[in-house]
Amino acid sequence: FSERHERLVASLAAQAAVAVDNARLLERVRDGERRFRAIFDTATQLMGLLDPAGTILEANATALAVAGVPREQVIG
């Protein structure tokens, strides 16, 4: 290989390594989200996520079902 080809191969290898790292990171984020959802949505006590102004952004599904309250009624 010429020096140009070697630089090209090295650049492609570096880009591939970044892509693999990004894919692994994305999978870790997805795993974290699945774990969070498993805990958050199955709790029977009401839990919610609020923004700094106190607006409800999310409420757990099981508590809403037990209370018979539709999600749309509490979000926002």
PDB file of N, CA and C in Angstrom:
ATOM      1  N   PHE A   1       0.831  -1.194   0.000  1.00  0.00           N
ATOM      2  CA  PHE A   1       0.000   0.000   0.000  1.00  0.00           C
ATOM      3  C   PHE A   1       0.868   1.247   0.000  1.00  0.00           C
ATOM      4  N   SER A   2       0.323   2.260  -0.599  1.00  0.00           N
ATOM      5  CA  SER A   2       1.006   3.549  -0.535  1.00  0.00           C
ATOM      6  C   SER A   2       0.639   4.212   0.797  1.00  0.00           C
ATOM      7  N   GLU A   3       1.326   5.258   1.131  1.00  0.00           N
ATOM      8  CA  GLU A   3       1.039   5.990   2.376  1.00  0.00           C
ATOM      9  C   GLU A   3      -0.396   6.514   2.361  1.00  0.00           C
ATOM     10  N   ARG A   4      -0.860   6.943   1.206  1.00  0.00           N
ATOM     11  CA  ARG A   4      -2.238   7.445   1.084  1.00  0.00           C
ATOM     12  C   ARG A   4      -3.252   6.352   1.399  1.00  0.00           C
ATOM     13  N   HIS A   5      -3.018   5.155   0.876  1.00  0.00           N
ATOM     14  CA  HIS A   5      -3.915   4.030   1.147  1.00  0.00           C
ATOM     15  C   HIS A   5      -3.881   3.648   2.624  1.00  0.00           C
ATOM     16  N   GLU A   6      -2.709   3.685   3.216  1.00  0.00           N
ATOM     17  CA  GLU A   6      -2.588   3.359   4.637  1.00  0.00           C
ATOM     18  C   GLU A   6      -3.357   4.358   5.491  1.00  0.00           C
ATOM     19  N   ARG A   7      -3.279   5.642   5.127  1.00  0.00           N
ATOM     20  CA  ARG A   7      -4.035   6.663   5.878  1.00  0.00           C
ATOM     21  C   ARG A   7      -5.542   6.448   5.699  1.00  0.00           C
ATOM     22  N   LEU A   8      -5.949   6.098   4.502  1.00  0.00           N
ATOM     23  CA  LEU A   8      -7.356   5.846   4.229  1.00  0.00           C
ATOM     24  C   LEU A   8      -7.856   4.652   5.043  1.00  0.00           C
ATOM     25  N   VAL A   9      -7.098   3.579   5.055  1.00  0.00           N
ATOM     26  CA  VAL A   9      -7.480   2.389   5.824  1.00  0.00           C
ATOM     27  C   VAL A   9      -7.530   2.718   7.312  1.00  0.00           C
ATOM     28  N   ALA A  10      -6.547   3.466   7.798  1.00  0.00           N
ATOM     29  CA  ALA A  10      -6.528   3.854   9.215  1.00  0.00           C
ATOM     30  C   ALA A  10      -7.737   4.721   9.548  1.00  0.00           C
ATOM     31  N   SER A  11      -8.080   5.641   8.655  1.00  0.00           N
ATOM     32  CA  SER A  11      -9.239   6.502   8.874  1.00  0.00           C
ATOM     33  C   SER A  11     -10.528   5.691   8.897  1.00  0.00           C
ATOM     34  N   LEU A  12     -10.662   4.762   7.980  1.00  0.00           N
ATOM     35  CA  LEU A  12     -11.861   3.902   7.942  1.00  0.00           C
ATOM     36  C   LEU A  12     -11.953   3.032   9.186  1.00  0.00           C
ATOM     37  N   ALA A  13     -10.822   2.523   9.642  1.00  0.00           N
ATOM     38  CA  ALA A  13     -10.813   1.704  10.849  1.00  0.00           C
ATOM     39  C   ALA A  13     -11.229   2.539  12.058  1.00  0.00           C
ATOM     40  N   ALA A  14     -10.743   3.769  12.142  1.00  0.00           N
ATOM     41  CA  ALA A  14     -11.110   4.653  13.246  1.00  0.00           C
ATOM     42  C   ALA A  14     -12.602   4.968  13.212  1.00  0.00           C
ATOM     43  N   GLN A  15     -13.131   5.225  12.019  1.00  0.00           N
ATOM     44  CA  GLN A  15     -14.566   5.501  11.890  1.00  0.00           C
ATOM     45  C   GLN A  15     -15.398   4.282  12.269  1.00  0.00           C
ATOM     46  N   ALA A  16     -14.937   3.111  11.895  1.00  0.00           N
ATOM     47  CA  ALA A  16     -15.651   1.884  12.255  1.00  0.00           C
ATOM     48  C   ALA A  16     -15.645   1.691  13.771  1.00  0.00           C
ATOM     49  N   ALA A  17     -14.518   1.982  14.407  1.00  0.00           N
ATOM     50  CA  ALA A  17     -14.427   1.851  15.864  1.00  0.00           C
ATOM     51  C   ALA A  17     -15.386   2.819  16.554  1.00  0.00           C
ATOM     52  N   VAL A  18     -15.485   4.034  16.051  1.00  0.00           N
ATOM     53  CA  VAL A  18     -16.421   5.010  16.615  1.00  0.00           C
ATOM     54  C   VAL A  18     -17.857   4.522  16.437  1.00  0.00           C
ATOM     55  N   ALA A  19     -18.165   3.975  15.267  1.00  0.00           N
ATOM     56  CA  ALA A  19     -19.517   3.469  15.016  1.00  0.00           C
ATOM     57  C   ALA A  19     -19.862   2.323  15.967  1.00  0.00           C
ATOM     58  N   VAL A  20     -18.914   1.442  16.213  1.00  0.00           N
ATOM     59  CA  VAL A  20     -19.136   0.329  17.142  1.00  0.00           C
ATOM     60  C   VAL A  20     -19.338   0.858  18.557  1.00  0.00           C
ATOM     61  N   ASP A  21     -18.507   1.812  18.964  1.00  0.00           N
ATOM     62  CA  ASP A  21     -18.664   2.406  20.299  1.00  0.00           C
ATOM     63  C   ASP A  21     -20.017   3.084  20.444  1.00  0.00           C
ATOM     64  N   ASN A  22     -20.443   3.805  19.404  1.00  0.00           N
ATOM     65  CA  ASN A  22     -21.748   4.465  19.445  1.00  0.00           C
ATOM     66  C   ASN A  22     -22.884   3.449  19.537  1.00  0.00           C
ATOM     67  N   ALA A  23     -22.774   2.356  18.826  1.00  0.00           N
ATOM     68  CA  ALA A  23     -23.803   1.320  18.878  1.00  0.00           C
ATOM     69  C   ALA A  23     -23.874   0.702  20.272  1.00  0.00           C
ATOM     70  N   ARG A  24     -22.720   0.475  20.877  1.00  0.00           N
ATOM     71  CA  ARG A  24     -22.699  -0.074  22.242  1.00  0.00           C
ATOM     72  C   ARG A  24     -23.303   0.913  23.234  1.00  0.00           C
ATOM     73  N   LEU A  25     -22.969   2.174  23.098  1.00  0.00           N
ATOM     74  CA  LEU A  25     -23.514   3.196  23.979  1.00  0.00           C
ATOM     75  C   LEU A  25     -25.025   3.294  23.819  1.00  0.00           C
ATOM     76  N   LEU A  26     -25.499   3.280  22.605  1.00  0.00           N
ATOM     77  CA  LEU A  26     -26.937   3.327  22.355  1.00  0.00           C
ATOM     78  C   LEU A  26     -27.639   2.128  22.982  1.00  0.00           C
ATOM     79  N   GLU A  27     -27.037   0.962  22.898  1.00  0.00           N
ATOM     80  CA  GLU A  27     -27.638  -0.237  23.515  1.00  0.00           C
ATOM     81  C   GLU A  27     -27.679  -0.101  25.033  1.00  0.00           C
ATOM     82  N   ARG A  28     -26.636   0.478  25.623  1.00  0.00           N
ATOM     83  CA  ARG A  28     -26.638   0.703  27.074  1.00  0.00           C
ATOM     84  C   ARG A  28     -27.744   1.674  27.477  1.00  0.00           C
ATOM     85  N   VAL A  29     -27.946   2.713  26.682  1.00  0.00           N
ATOM     86  CA  VAL A  29     -29.019   3.674  26.962  1.00  0.00           C
ATOM     87  C   VAL A  29     -30.372   2.979  26.861  1.00  0.00           C
ATOM     88  N   ARG A  30     -30.547   2.169  25.831  1.00  0.00           N
ATOM     89  CA  ARG A  30     -31.815   1.437  25.667  1.00  0.00           C
ATOM     90  C   ARG A  30     -32.047   0.468  26.819  1.00  0.00           C
ATOM     91  N   ASP A  31     -31.002  -0.211  27.271  1.00  0.00           N
ATOM     92  CA  ASP A  31     -31.136  -1.118  28.423  1.00  0.00           C
ATOM     93  C   ASP A  31     -31.547  -0.340  29.664  1.00  0.00           C
ATOM     94  N   GLY A  32     -30.943   0.810  29.871  1.00  0.00           N
ATOM     95  CA  GLY A  32     -31.302   1.649  31.014  1.00  0.00           C
ATOM     96  C   GLY A  32     -32.749   2.106  30.957  1.00  0.00           C
ATOM     97  N   GLU A  33     -33.195   2.476  29.778  1.00  0.00           N
ATOM     98  CA  GLU A  33     -34.587   2.888  29.597  1.00  0.00           C
ATOM     99  C   GLU A  33     -35.540   1.725  29.876  1.00  0.00           C
ATOM    100  N   ARG A  34     -35.188   0.525  29.412  1.00  0.00           N
ATOM    101  CA  ARG A  34     -36.039  -0.655  29.681  1.00  0.00           C
ATOM    102  C   ARG A  34     -36.115  -0.948  31.179  1.00  0.00           C
ATOM    103  N   ARG A  35     -34.978  -0.863  31.865  1.00  0.00           N
ATOM    104  CA  ARG A  35     -34.978  -1.091  33.321  1.00  0.00           C
ATOM    105  C   ARG A  35     -35.807  -0.033  34.036  1.00  0.00           C
ATOM    106  N   PHE A  36     -35.618   1.222  33.648  1.00  0.00           N
ATOM    107  CA  PHE A  36     -36.401   2.297  34.247  1.00  0.00           C
ATOM    108  C   PHE A  36     -37.886   2.051  34.051  1.00  0.00           C
ATOM    109  N   ARG A  37     -38.298   1.742  32.829  1.00  0.00           N
ATOM    110  CA  ARG A  37     -39.710   1.501  32.533  1.00  0.00           C
ATOM    111  C   ARG A  37     -40.257   0.328  33.334  1.00  0.00           C
ATOM    112  N   ALA A  38     -39.466  -0.734  33.465  1.00  0.00           N
ATOM    113  CA  ALA A  38     -39.918  -1.912  34.220  1.00  0.00           C
ATOM    114  C   ALA A  38     -40.209  -1.544  35.666  1.00  0.00           C
ATOM    115  N   ILE A  39     -39.373  -0.724  36.253  1.00  0.00           N
ATOM    116  CA  ILE A  39     -39.576  -0.308  37.647  1.00  0.00           C
ATOM    117  C   ILE A  39     -40.684   0.739  37.734  1.00  0.00           C
ATOM    118  N   PHE A  40     -40.576   1.769  36.921  1.00  0.00           N
ATOM    119  CA  PHE A  40     -41.497   2.909  36.980  1.00  0.00           C
ATOM    120  C   PHE A  40     -42.930   2.500  36.690  1.00  0.00           C
ATOM    121  N   ASP A  41     -43.153   1.759  35.622  1.00  0.00           N
ATOM    122  CA  ASP A  41     -44.515   1.456  35.199  1.00  0.00           C
ATOM    123  C   ASP A  41     -45.210   0.383  36.025  1.00  0.00           C
ATOM    124  N   THR A  42     -44.463  -0.453  36.740  1.00  0.00           N
ATOM    125  CA  THR A  42     -45.122  -1.513  37.505  1.00  0.00           C
ATOM    126  C   THR A  42     -45.367  -1.148  38.966  1.00  0.00           C
ATOM    127  N   ALA A  43     -44.836  -0.041  39.425  1.00  0.00           N
ATOM    128  CA  ALA A  43     -45.081   0.374  40.808  1.00  0.00           C
ATOM    129  C   ALA A  43     -46.553   0.735  40.981  1.00  0.00           C
ATOM    130  N   THR A  44     -47.141   0.313  42.086  1.00  0.00           N
ATOM    131  CA  THR A  44     -48.558   0.606  42.314  1.00  0.00           C
ATOM    132  C   THR A  44     -48.767   1.978  42.951  1.00  0.00           C
ATOM    133  N   GLN A  45     -47.744   2.516  43.601  1.00  0.00           N
ATOM    134  CA  GLN A  45     -47.891   3.871  44.122  1.00  0.00           C
ATOM    135  C   GLN A  45     -47.642   4.870  42.993  1.00  0.00           C
ATOM    136  N   LEU A  46     -48.326   5.986  43.044  1.00  0.00           N
ATOM    137  CA  LEU A  46     -48.215   6.971  41.984  1.00  0.00           C
ATOM    138  C   LEU A  46     -46.817   7.579  41.968  1.00  0.00           C
ATOM    139  N   MET A  47     -46.202   7.535  40.808  1.00  0.00           N
ATOM    140  CA  MET A  47     -44.915   8.192  40.597  1.00  0.00           C
ATOM    141  C   MET A  47     -45.047   9.026  39.342  1.00  0.00           C
ATOM    142  N   GLY A  48     -44.360  10.128  39.343  1.00  0.00           N
ATOM    143  CA  GLY A  48     -44.399  10.969  38.164  1.00  0.00           C
ATOM    144  C   GLY A  48     -43.094  11.701  37.953  1.00  0.00           C
ATOM    145  N   LEU A  49     -42.919  12.175  36.748  1.00  0.00           N
ATOM    146  CA  LEU A  49     -41.790  13.019  36.403  1.00  0.00           C
ATOM    147  C   LEU A  49     -42.348  14.403  36.124  1.00  0.00           C
ATOM    148  N   LEU A  50     -41.748  15.399  36.747  1.00  0.00           N
ATOM    149  CA  LEU A  50     -42.204  16.764  36.590  1.00  0.00           C
ATOM    150  C   LEU A  50     -41.094  17.639  36.034  1.00  0.00           C
ATOM    151  N   ASP A  51     -41.489  18.672  35.316  1.00  0.00           N
ATOM    152  CA  ASP A  51     -40.486  19.643  34.880  1.00  0.00           C
ATOM    153  C   ASP A  51     -40.264  20.637  36.021  1.00  0.00           C
ATOM    154  N   PRO A  52     -39.309  21.538  35.898  1.00  0.00           N
ATOM    155  CA  PRO A  52     -39.029  22.473  36.996  1.00  0.00           C
ATOM    156  C   PRO A  52     -40.224  23.330  37.410  1.00  0.00           C
ATOM    157  N   ALA A  53     -41.159  23.555  36.514  1.00  0.00           N
ATOM    158  CA  ALA A  53     -42.343  24.352  36.845  1.00  0.00           C
ATOM    159  C   ALA A  53     -43.421  23.532  37.549  1.00  0.00           C
ATOM    160  N   GLY A  54     -43.213  22.209  37.658  1.00  0.00           N
ATOM    161  CA  GLY A  54     -44.180  21.344  38.325  1.00  0.00           C
ATOM    162  C   GLY A  54     -45.182  20.695  37.391  1.00  0.00           C
ATOM    163  N   THR A  55     -45.022  20.864  36.107  1.00  0.00           N
ATOM    164  CA  THR A  55     -45.915  20.229  35.131  1.00  0.00           C
ATOM    165  C   THR A  55     -45.587  18.746  35.038  1.00  0.00           C
ATOM    166  N   ILE A  56     -46.609  17.907  35.094  1.00  0.00           N
ATOM    167  CA  ILE A  56     -46.408  16.457  35.026  1.00  0.00           C
ATOM    168  C   ILE A  56     -46.070  16.069  33.585  1.00  0.00           C
ATOM    169  N   LEU A  57     -44.902  15.444  33.430  1.00  0.00           N
ATOM    170  CA  LEU A  57     -44.450  14.992  32.119  1.00  0.00           C
ATOM    171  C   LEU A  57     -44.751  13.519  31.891  1.00  0.00           C
ATOM    172  N   GLU A  58     -44.775  12.760  32.983  1.00  0.00           N
ATOM    173  CA  GLU A  58     -44.958  11.306  32.886  1.00  0.00           C
ATOM    174  C   GLU A  58     -45.523  10.811  34.208  1.00  0.00           C
ATOM    175  N   ALA A  59     -46.380   9.800  34.148  1.00  0.00           N
ATOM    176  CA  ALA A  59     -46.912   9.144  35.340  1.00  0.00           C
ATOM    177  C   ALA A  59     -46.910   7.646  35.073  1.00  0.00           C
ATOM    178  N   ASN A  60     -46.695   6.866  36.137  1.00  0.00           N
ATOM    179  CA  ASN A  60     -46.575   5.423  35.924  1.00  0.00           C
ATOM    180  C   ASN A  60     -47.921   4.768  35.602  1.00  0.00           C
ATOM    181  N   ALA A  61     -47.856   3.840  34.661  1.00  0.00           N
ATOM    182  CA  ALA A  61     -49.043   3.216  34.087  1.00  0.00           C
ATOM    183  C   ALA A  61     -49.857   2.412  35.097  1.00  0.00           C
ATOM    184  N   THR A  62     -49.200   1.630  35.958  1.00  0.00           N
ATOM    185  CA  THR A  62     -49.934   0.773  36.894  1.00  0.00           C
ATOM    186  C   THR A  62     -50.756   1.601  37.875  1.00  0.00           C
ATOM    187  N   ALA A  63     -50.182   2.648  38.426  1.00  0.00           N
ATOM    188  CA  ALA A  63     -50.922   3.492  39.367  1.00  0.00           C
ATOM    189  C   ALA A  63     -52.106   4.162  38.680  1.00  0.00           C
ATOM    190  N   LEU A  64     -51.910   4.607  37.460  1.00  0.00           N
ATOM    191  CA  LEU A  64     -53.017   5.227  36.734  1.00  0.00           C
ATOM    192  C   LEU A  64     -54.126   4.213  36.476  1.00  0.00           C
ATOM    193  N   ALA A  65     -53.754   2.986  36.140  1.00  0.00           N
ATOM    194  CA  ALA A  65     -54.751   1.938  35.898  1.00  0.00           C
ATOM    195  C   ALA A  65     -55.508   1.605  37.170  1.00  0.00           C
ATOM    196  N   VAL A  66     -54.786   1.494  38.302  1.00  0.00           N
ATOM    197  CA  VAL A  66     -55.440   1.193  39.590  1.00  0.00           C
ATOM    198  C   VAL A  66     -56.411   2.313  39.952  1.00  0.00           C
ATOM    199  N   ALA A  67     -56.021   3.545  39.697  1.00  0.00           N
ATOM    200  CA  ALA A  67     -56.875   4.684  40.024  1.00  0.00           C
ATOM    201  C   ALA A  67     -57.979   4.893  38.989  1.00  0.00           C
ATOM    202  N   GLY A  68     -57.851   4.242  37.828  1.00  0.00           N
ATOM    203  CA  GLY A  68     -58.838   4.407  36.777  1.00  0.00           C
ATOM    204  C   GLY A  68     -58.766   5.777  36.106  1.00  0.00           C
ATOM    205  N   VAL A  69     -57.565   6.343  36.106  1.00  0.00           N
ATOM    206  CA  VAL A  69     -57.367   7.675  35.524  1.00  0.00           C
ATOM    207  C   VAL A  69     -56.610   7.541  34.213  1.00  0.00           C
ATOM    208  N   PRO A  70     -57.135   8.085  33.123  1.00  0.00           N
ATOM    209  CA  PRO A  70     -56.400   8.011  31.857  1.00  0.00           C
ATOM    210  C   PRO A  70     -55.134   8.885  31.899  1.00  0.00           C
ATOM    211  N   ARG A  71     -54.106   8.415  31.267  1.00  0.00           N
ATOM    212  CA  ARG A  71     -52.826   9.130  31.234  1.00  0.00           C
ATOM    213  C   ARG A  71     -53.004  10.556  30.732  1.00  0.00           C
ATOM    214  N   GLU A  72     -53.804  10.730  29.708  1.00  0.00           N
ATOM    215  CA  GLU A  72     -54.021  12.040  29.109  1.00  0.00           C
ATOM    216  C   GLU A  72     -54.581  13.052  30.092  1.00  0.00           C
ATOM    217  N   GLN A  73     -55.245  12.552  31.132  1.00  0.00           N
ATOM    218  CA  GLN A  73     -55.871  13.442  32.111  1.00  0.00           C
ATOM    219  C   GLN A  73     -54.846  14.036  33.082  1.00  0.00           C
ATOM    220  N   VAL A  74     -53.696  13.403  33.242  1.00  0.00           N
ATOM    221  CA  VAL A  74     -52.730  13.900  34.211  1.00  0.00           C
ATOM    222  C   VAL A  74     -51.492  14.522  33.573  1.00  0.00           C
ATOM    223  N   ILE A  75     -51.170  14.152  32.347  1.00  0.00           N
ATOM    224  CA  ILE A  75     -49.980  14.684  31.692  1.00  0.00           C
ATOM    225  C   ILE A  75     -50.241  16.129  31.261  1.00  0.00           C
ATOM    226  N   GLY A  76     -49.297  16.983  31.591  1.00  0.00           N
ATOM    227  CA  GLY A  76     -49.411  18.392  31.186  1.00  0.00           C
ATOM    228  C   GLY A  76     -50.082  19.210  32.246  1.00  0.00           C
TER     229      GLY A  76
END
